[in-house]
Protein backbone atom coordinates (compact mmCIF):
# COMPACT_ATOMS: atom_id res chain seq x y z
CA MET A 1 -70.33 14.56 -25.28
CA ALA A 2 -68.59 12.99 -22.27
CA GLN A 3 -67.66 9.32 -22.28
CA ILE A 4 -65.82 6.90 -20.01
CA LEU A 5 -63.70 4.08 -21.43
CA GLN A 6 -61.09 2.13 -19.44
CA ASN A 7 -61.33 4.65 -16.57
CA VAL A 8 -60.59 7.49 -18.97
CA LEU A 9 -63.06 10.37 -19.25
CA TYR A 10 -63.20 11.72 -22.81
CA LEU A 11 -64.51 15.29 -23.13
CA LEU A 12 -65.35 15.90 -26.77
CA THR A 13 -68.11 18.52 -26.98
CA PRO A 14 -67.38 22.28 -27.05
CA GLY A 15 -69.00 24.16 -24.19
CA LEU A 16 -68.52 21.50 -21.53
CA SER A 17 -67.33 22.63 -18.11
CA VAL A 18 -65.88 20.46 -15.37
CA HIS A 19 -66.08 21.41 -11.70
CA ARG A 20 -65.17 19.81 -8.39
CA ASP A 21 -67.88 18.46 -6.12
CA GLY A 22 -66.15 17.07 -3.04
CA LEU A 23 -64.24 14.01 -4.28
CA ALA A 24 -66.13 13.90 -7.56
CA VAL A 25 -65.96 15.76 -10.85
CA ARG A 26 -69.12 17.28 -12.31
CA ILE A 27 -69.49 17.65 -16.07
CA GLU A 28 -71.97 20.33 -17.10
CA HIS A 29 -73.24 21.73 -20.38
CA ASP A 30 -75.19 24.98 -20.43
CA ARG A 31 -75.17 24.75 -16.61
CA GLN A 32 -77.03 21.43 -16.78
CA LEU A 33 -75.46 18.43 -15.04
CA LYS A 34 -74.51 15.73 -17.55
CA LEU A 35 -72.32 13.42 -15.47
CA SER A 36 -70.86 13.14 -11.99
CA LEU A 37 -67.95 10.78 -11.39
CA PRO A 38 -65.87 9.96 -8.28
CA VAL A 39 -62.24 10.82 -8.87
CA HIS A 40 -61.09 7.42 -7.62
CA ASN A 41 -62.75 5.91 -10.72
CA LEU A 42 -60.53 7.96 -13.01
CA GLU A 43 -57.05 7.37 -14.39
CA SER A 44 -57.13 10.26 -16.87
CA ILE A 45 -59.26 13.00 -18.35
CA PHE A 46 -58.77 13.62 -22.08
CA VAL A 47 -59.89 17.10 -23.18
CA PHE A 48 -60.30 17.68 -26.93
CA GLY A 49 -60.51 21.26 -28.17
CA ALA A 50 -60.05 24.69 -26.66
CA ASP A 51 -63.68 25.35 -25.73
CA ILE A 52 -63.90 23.00 -22.73
CA TYR A 53 -63.37 24.47 -19.27
CA ILE A 54 -61.58 22.55 -16.51
CA SER A 55 -61.60 24.35 -13.17
CA PRO A 56 -58.35 24.71 -11.18
CA ALA A 57 -60.04 22.79 -8.36
CA VAL A 58 -60.54 19.81 -10.68
CA LEU A 59 -56.90 19.91 -11.74
CA ARG A 60 -55.83 19.84 -8.09
CA LEU A 61 -58.28 17.03 -7.28
CA CYS A 62 -56.88 14.97 -10.15
CA TRP A 63 -53.20 15.39 -9.35
CA GLU A 64 -53.84 14.74 -5.67
CA ASN A 65 -55.47 11.42 -6.62
CA GLY A 66 -53.05 10.27 -9.30
CA ALA A 67 -55.18 11.10 -12.34
CA SER A 68 -53.72 13.02 -15.25
CA VAL A 69 -55.47 15.64 -17.39
CA CYS A 70 -54.39 15.69 -21.05
CA PHE A 71 -55.27 18.54 -23.38
CA PHE A 72 -55.50 17.90 -27.13
CA THR A 73 -56.35 19.99 -30.14
CA ASP A 74 -59.58 19.16 -31.96
CA TRP A 75 -57.59 16.94 -34.33
CA GLY A 76 -55.81 15.02 -31.59
CA ARG A 77 -52.40 16.65 -31.12
CA LEU A 78 -51.28 16.48 -27.51
CA GLU A 79 -50.62 20.01 -26.23
CA ALA A 80 -50.21 19.53 -22.48
CA ARG A 81 -50.34 16.85 -19.80
CA VAL A 82 -51.09 17.95 -16.24
CA GLU A 83 -50.31 15.59 -13.40
CA GLY A 84 -48.82 15.59 -9.93
CA VAL A 85 -45.41 14.23 -9.05
CA PRO A 86 -45.18 11.08 -11.22
CA ARG A 87 -46.04 7.95 -9.31
CA GLY A 88 -46.39 5.08 -11.71
CA SER A 89 -45.13 6.12 -15.12
CA VAL A 90 -41.53 5.20 -14.25
CA HIS A 91 -42.64 1.61 -13.70
CA LEU A 92 -44.43 1.58 -17.02
CA ARG A 93 -41.35 2.97 -18.77
CA ARG A 94 -39.16 0.38 -17.08
CA ALA A 95 -41.54 -2.37 -18.16
CA GLN A 96 -41.50 -0.97 -21.69
CA HIS A 97 -37.69 -1.00 -21.83
CA HIS A 98 -37.49 -4.42 -20.20
CA ALA A 99 -39.88 -5.84 -22.80
CA VAL A 100 -37.48 -4.75 -25.54
CA THR A 101 -34.73 -6.89 -24.01
CA SER A 102 -37.06 -9.90 -23.62
CA LEU A 103 -37.22 -11.53 -27.04
CA PRO A 104 -40.38 -13.59 -26.34
CA THR A 105 -42.23 -10.48 -25.12
CA ALA A 106 -41.01 -8.27 -27.97
CA ALA A 107 -41.86 -10.95 -30.53
CA ALA A 108 -45.36 -11.42 -29.11
CA LEU A 109 -46.04 -7.68 -29.34
CA ALA A 110 -44.60 -7.50 -32.86
CA ARG A 111 -46.80 -10.41 -33.97
CA SER A 112 -49.86 -8.62 -32.61
CA PHE A 113 -49.07 -5.43 -34.54
CA VAL A 114 -48.56 -7.39 -37.76
CA ALA A 115 -51.65 -9.54 -37.19
CA GLY A 116 -53.76 -6.41 -36.73
CA LYS A 117 -52.41 -4.92 -39.95
CA ILE A 118 -53.01 -8.08 -41.99
CA HIS A 119 -56.52 -8.58 -40.63
CA ASN A 120 -57.47 -4.98 -41.37
CA THR A 121 -55.90 -5.13 -44.83
CA ARG A 122 -58.13 -8.13 -45.55
CA TRP A 123 -61.08 -6.02 -44.32
CA LEU A 124 -60.17 -3.30 -46.83
CA LEU A 125 -59.70 -5.78 -49.67
CA ALA A 126 -63.00 -7.51 -48.93
CA ARG A 127 -64.88 -4.20 -49.02
CA SER A 128 -63.39 -3.32 -52.40
CA ALA A 129 -64.02 -6.81 -53.77
CA ARG A 130 -67.73 -6.46 -52.98
CA ASP A 131 -67.89 -3.19 -54.92
CA ALA A 132 -65.43 -4.11 -57.69
CA ALA A 133 -66.07 -2.80 -61.18
CA SER A 134 -65.58 -6.19 -62.82
CA PRO A 135 -65.49 -9.88 -61.92
CA ASP A 136 -61.79 -9.98 -62.78
CA ASP A 137 -61.02 -7.16 -60.34
CA ALA A 138 -63.09 -8.85 -57.63
CA ALA A 139 -61.31 -12.16 -58.21
CA ALA A 140 -57.87 -10.53 -58.00
CA LEU A 141 -58.75 -8.75 -54.76
CA ARG A 142 -60.17 -11.93 -53.23
CA THR A 143 -57.06 -13.86 -54.21
CA ILE A 144 -54.89 -11.46 -52.22
CA THR A 145 -57.39 -11.63 -49.35
CA ASN A 146 -56.95 -15.40 -49.27
CA ASN A 147 -53.17 -15.16 -49.54
CA LEU A 148 -53.13 -12.83 -46.53
CA ALA A 149 -55.15 -15.39 -44.59
CA TYR A 150 -52.33 -17.89 -45.23
CA LEU A 151 -49.81 -15.32 -44.00
CA LEU A 152 -51.83 -14.83 -40.81
CA ARG A 153 -51.58 -18.55 -40.10
CA GLU A 154 -47.89 -18.48 -40.89
CA LEU A 155 -47.43 -15.53 -38.54
CA GLU A 156 -48.87 -17.56 -35.67
CA ARG A 157 -46.19 -20.23 -36.21
CA THR A 158 -43.19 -17.91 -36.52
CA PRO A 159 -40.38 -18.36 -34.00
CA ASP A 160 -39.40 -15.55 -31.66
CA ASP A 161 -37.33 -13.86 -34.34
CA LEU A 162 -38.15 -10.24 -35.07
CA ASP A 163 -36.56 -10.34 -38.53
CA ILE A 164 -38.83 -13.24 -39.55
CA ILE A 165 -41.90 -11.41 -38.19
CA ARG A 166 -40.86 -8.28 -40.09
CA GLY A 167 -40.48 -10.42 -43.18
CA VAL A 168 -44.08 -11.60 -42.91
CA GLU A 169 -45.23 -7.99 -42.59
CA GLY A 170 -43.19 -7.01 -45.64
CA ARG A 171 -44.65 -9.83 -47.73
CA ALA A 172 -48.18 -8.87 -46.67
CA ALA A 173 -47.60 -5.24 -47.66
CA ALA A 174 -46.10 -6.26 -51.01
CA LEU A 175 -49.11 -8.46 -51.78
CA HIS A 176 -51.52 -5.65 -51.01
CA PHE A 177 -49.71 -3.05 -53.06
CA GLU A 178 -49.64 -5.43 -56.04
CA VAL A 179 -53.41 -4.93 -56.38
CA PHE A 180 -53.76 -1.53 -54.74
CA ALA A 181 -54.76 0.15 -58.01
CA LEU A 182 -57.78 -2.18 -58.24
CA HIS A 183 -59.33 -0.31 -55.32
CA LEU A 184 -59.75 2.62 -57.72
CA ARG A 185 -62.54 3.02 -60.23
CA PRO A 186 -61.27 1.99 -63.70
CA ALA A 187 -61.72 5.50 -65.09
CA LEU A 188 -59.20 6.84 -62.56
CA ARG A 189 -56.42 4.30 -63.03
CA VAL A 190 -54.68 6.14 -65.85
CA ALA A 191 -54.72 9.55 -64.15
CA PHE A 192 -53.68 7.98 -60.83
CA ASN A 193 -51.15 5.49 -62.11
CA PHE A 194 -49.77 3.30 -59.31
CA SER A 195 -47.02 0.71 -59.69
CA GLY A 196 -46.00 0.17 -56.06
CA ARG A 197 -45.18 1.93 -52.83
CA ASN A 198 -42.48 4.61 -52.92
CA ARG A 199 -41.63 7.52 -50.61
CA ARG A 200 -38.97 10.03 -49.58
CA PRO A 201 -40.10 11.58 -51.84
CA PRO A 202 -43.31 10.04 -53.22
CA ARG A 203 -43.23 9.79 -57.01
CA ASP A 204 -46.92 9.64 -57.83
CA ALA A 205 -50.22 11.02 -56.56
CA ILE A 206 -51.34 7.92 -54.65
CA ASN A 207 -48.04 7.58 -52.80
CA CYS A 208 -48.13 11.31 -52.07
CA LEU A 209 -51.61 11.06 -50.54
CA LEU A 210 -50.77 7.90 -48.58
CA SER A 211 -47.63 9.48 -47.13
CA PHE A 212 -49.53 12.60 -46.11
CA LEU A 213 -52.33 10.68 -44.37
CA TYR A 214 -49.86 8.28 -42.76
CA ALA A 215 -48.12 11.33 -41.30
CA LEU A 216 -51.38 12.50 -39.71
CA LEU A 217 -51.94 9.02 -38.29
CA ARG A 218 -48.38 8.87 -36.97
CA HIS A 219 -48.92 12.16 -35.20
CA ASP A 220 -52.06 10.81 -33.51
CA CYS A 221 -50.21 7.68 -32.40
CA VAL A 222 -47.40 9.74 -30.84
CA SER A 223 -49.99 11.81 -28.96
CA ALA A 224 -51.84 8.73 -27.73
CA LEU A 225 -48.70 6.94 -26.53
CA THR A 226 -47.37 10.04 -24.80
CA ALA A 227 -50.71 10.60 -23.08
CA VAL A 228 -50.64 7.14 -21.47
CA GLY A 229 -47.02 7.46 -20.33
CA LEU A 230 -45.26 5.31 -22.94
CA ASP A 231 -42.10 6.35 -24.77
CA PRO A 232 -43.05 6.62 -28.46
CA PHE A 233 -39.39 6.15 -29.47
CA VAL A 234 -38.96 2.65 -28.00
CA GLY A 235 -40.68 0.06 -30.19
CA TYR A 236 -40.75 -3.67 -30.87
CA LEU A 237 -41.64 -4.36 -34.50
CA HIS A 238 -39.70 -1.31 -35.70
CA ALA A 239 -36.07 -1.21 -34.64
CA ASP A 240 -34.70 1.76 -32.73
CA ARG A 241 -33.24 4.53 -34.84
CA ALA A 242 -32.26 8.05 -33.83
CA GLY A 243 -35.22 10.39 -34.19
CA ARG A 244 -37.68 7.63 -35.19
CA GLU A 245 -40.82 7.12 -33.10
CA SER A 246 -40.63 3.33 -33.33
CA LEU A 247 -43.51 2.54 -30.98
CA ALA A 248 -45.76 5.01 -32.80
CA LEU A 249 -44.92 3.19 -36.04
CA ASP A 250 -45.77 -0.10 -34.34
CA LEU A 251 -49.16 1.20 -33.23
CA MET A 252 -49.81 2.66 -36.68
CA GLU A 253 -49.69 -0.71 -38.39
CA GLU A 254 -53.20 -1.84 -37.47
CA PHE A 255 -54.61 1.56 -38.53
CA ARG A 256 -52.87 1.88 -41.91
CA PRO A 257 -55.73 0.14 -43.79
CA TRP A 258 -58.21 2.55 -42.19
CA THR A 259 -56.11 5.44 -43.53
CA GLU A 260 -55.75 3.78 -46.94
CA ARG A 261 -59.50 3.46 -47.17
CA LEU A 262 -59.83 7.22 -46.62
CA ALA A 263 -57.27 7.91 -49.38
CA LEU A 264 -59.17 5.69 -51.81
CA THR A 265 -62.48 7.34 -50.90
CA LEU A 266 -61.07 10.79 -51.60
CA LEU A 267 -59.88 9.68 -55.05
CA ASN A 268 -62.89 7.55 -56.02
CA ARG A 269 -65.35 10.29 -55.08
CA GLY A 270 -63.41 12.92 -56.99
CA GLU A 271 -62.75 14.99 -53.88
CA LEU A 272 -59.10 15.14 -54.90
CA LYS A 273 -58.33 15.53 -58.60
CA PRO A 274 -55.12 14.90 -60.56
CA ALA A 275 -54.50 18.64 -61.00
CA GLU A 276 -54.24 19.04 -57.22
CA PHE A 277 -51.04 16.96 -57.13
CA LEU A 278 -48.00 19.02 -58.06
CA VAL A 279 -44.87 17.54 -59.63
CA ARG A 280 -41.71 19.26 -58.46
CA ASP A 281 -38.25 19.33 -59.99
CA GLY A 282 -36.72 15.91 -59.62
CA GLY A 283 -40.06 14.09 -59.82
CA ALA A 284 -41.34 14.51 -56.26
CA VAL A 285 -45.13 14.85 -56.02
CA GLU A 286 -46.80 17.12 -53.48
CA LEU A 287 -50.35 18.07 -52.59
CA SER A 288 -51.43 21.61 -53.38
CA ASP A 289 -52.31 23.81 -50.42
CA ALA A 290 -56.04 23.46 -51.12
CA ALA A 291 -55.73 19.69 -51.47
CA ARG A 292 -53.79 19.46 -48.23
CA LYS A 293 -56.51 21.35 -46.40
CA GLY A 294 -59.15 19.14 -47.97
CA ALA A 295 -57.30 15.98 -46.93
CA VAL A 296 -56.94 17.20 -43.35
CA ALA A 297 -60.63 18.11 -43.20
CA ALA A 298 -61.58 14.68 -44.54
CA TYR A 299 -59.27 12.99 -42.03
CA GLN A 300 -60.88 14.86 -39.15
CA GLN A 301 -64.35 14.10 -40.48
CA ARG A 302 -63.51 10.41 -40.70
CA LYS A 303 -62.22 10.49 -37.12
CA ALA A 304 -65.57 11.91 -36.02
CA GLU A 305 -67.45 8.91 -37.41
CA GLU A 306 -68.69 6.41 -34.85
CA SER A 307 -68.88 2.66 -34.58
CA ILE A 308 -69.46 0.06 -31.88
CA HIS A 309 -66.19 -0.90 -30.21
CA PRO A 310 -65.84 -4.72 -30.41
CA MET A 311 -64.39 -5.02 -26.90
CA PHE A 312 -66.45 -2.50 -24.92
CA ARG A 313 -69.69 -2.74 -26.92
CA GLU A 314 -70.01 1.03 -26.78
CA LYS A 315 -70.22 3.57 -29.55
CA VAL A 316 -66.91 5.41 -29.96
CA ARG A 317 -65.49 7.88 -32.44
CA HIS A 318 -62.84 6.54 -34.78
CA GLY A 319 -60.49 9.26 -33.55
CA GLN A 320 -60.58 7.69 -30.07
CA LEU A 321 -59.40 4.29 -31.27
CA VAL A 322 -55.67 5.05 -31.18
CA PHE A 323 -56.05 6.34 -27.62
CA ILE A 324 -57.93 3.21 -26.59
CA GLN A 325 -55.28 1.00 -28.19
CA ALA A 326 -52.48 2.97 -26.53
CA ARG A 327 -54.02 2.26 -23.14
CA LEU A 328 -54.47 -1.43 -24.00
CA LEU A 329 -50.82 -1.54 -25.07
CA ALA A 330 -49.71 0.13 -21.85
CA ARG A 331 -51.68 -2.42 -19.85
CA ALA A 332 -50.19 -5.32 -21.82
CA ILE A 333 -46.64 -4.04 -21.30
CA ARG A 334 -47.19 -3.33 -17.61
CA ASP A 335 -48.90 -6.64 -16.85
CA GLY A 336 -47.06 -8.86 -19.28
CA SER A 337 -50.38 -9.80 -20.88
CA ALA A 338 -51.25 -10.21 -24.56
CA TYR A 339 -51.93 -7.13 -26.67
CA SER A 340 -55.12 -7.20 -28.76
CA PRO A 341 -55.03 -4.96 -31.84
CA HIS A 342 -58.15 -3.19 -33.03
CA LEU A 343 -59.83 -5.23 -35.76
CA PHE A 344 -62.15 -3.47 -38.18
CA ALA A 345 -65.21 -5.36 -39.36
């Protein structure tokens, strides 16, 4: 309903109302008090959905005390950020830009993004190996899991060279996509033929679905980074390019396996069928309108699932994880400390 993590108040339940009570904010539901919190304990209020009321007095209290109020759609798109005259974001942006010019700092952040991706890819592979249709499939998946463990150790020893770190990430992705079809039930592997990652445009159903879900994840990462005051276009692992949200792509890396698991679930459970992928002139594959709506609904449903956060030992929704990681990243950049990616288990 209402939850506090890292001095951020998350308002998630329709029908909540927030009012001022002196120097505190009061969260009510059906006119019943649910939480009262002094404003000096807050850095931000994140409001999800259109059916949550924030009084003008609360907005004024927040901007007078340096707390921002961010409004998101139900599915996590940032719509507005209300704050007073900026006080600290310029320092965060300066630290973010300075970190790009400091090779040791940039390399350390890039290693963390890649380490998170490799660890979570091993998590996905291990889950599929346990449920594999045959011993041969399980053995192949476990072999890649072990190979990725070697790459993790190699990543720790890499010099401060972004191209070498990117090379490790590329090798890890190639290893995973070599066996990606083995995540599917054998009966589906002919209909959903997969021979490797391709995009712009995707040439098969699996690549089409992955690209679509990656786009939703990328959107969430942009929203999360913007909400904490970071520039989503200035990244570390991904080089700057006009119009590319490099930092959002960096943050995405640790969450790609989570998205891939959703794609595989949709296919293995028959929630998306081969006929719902349309082949256009030139060979590009697209989702039908109904399939697109179904994928979005499944993505939002997966974001609503809960698990215990390994750092805070509190139950959080999966949709909050990118926002939590964005704040951890902002803290690491501002303080010059290590960034800890989210590790699924």
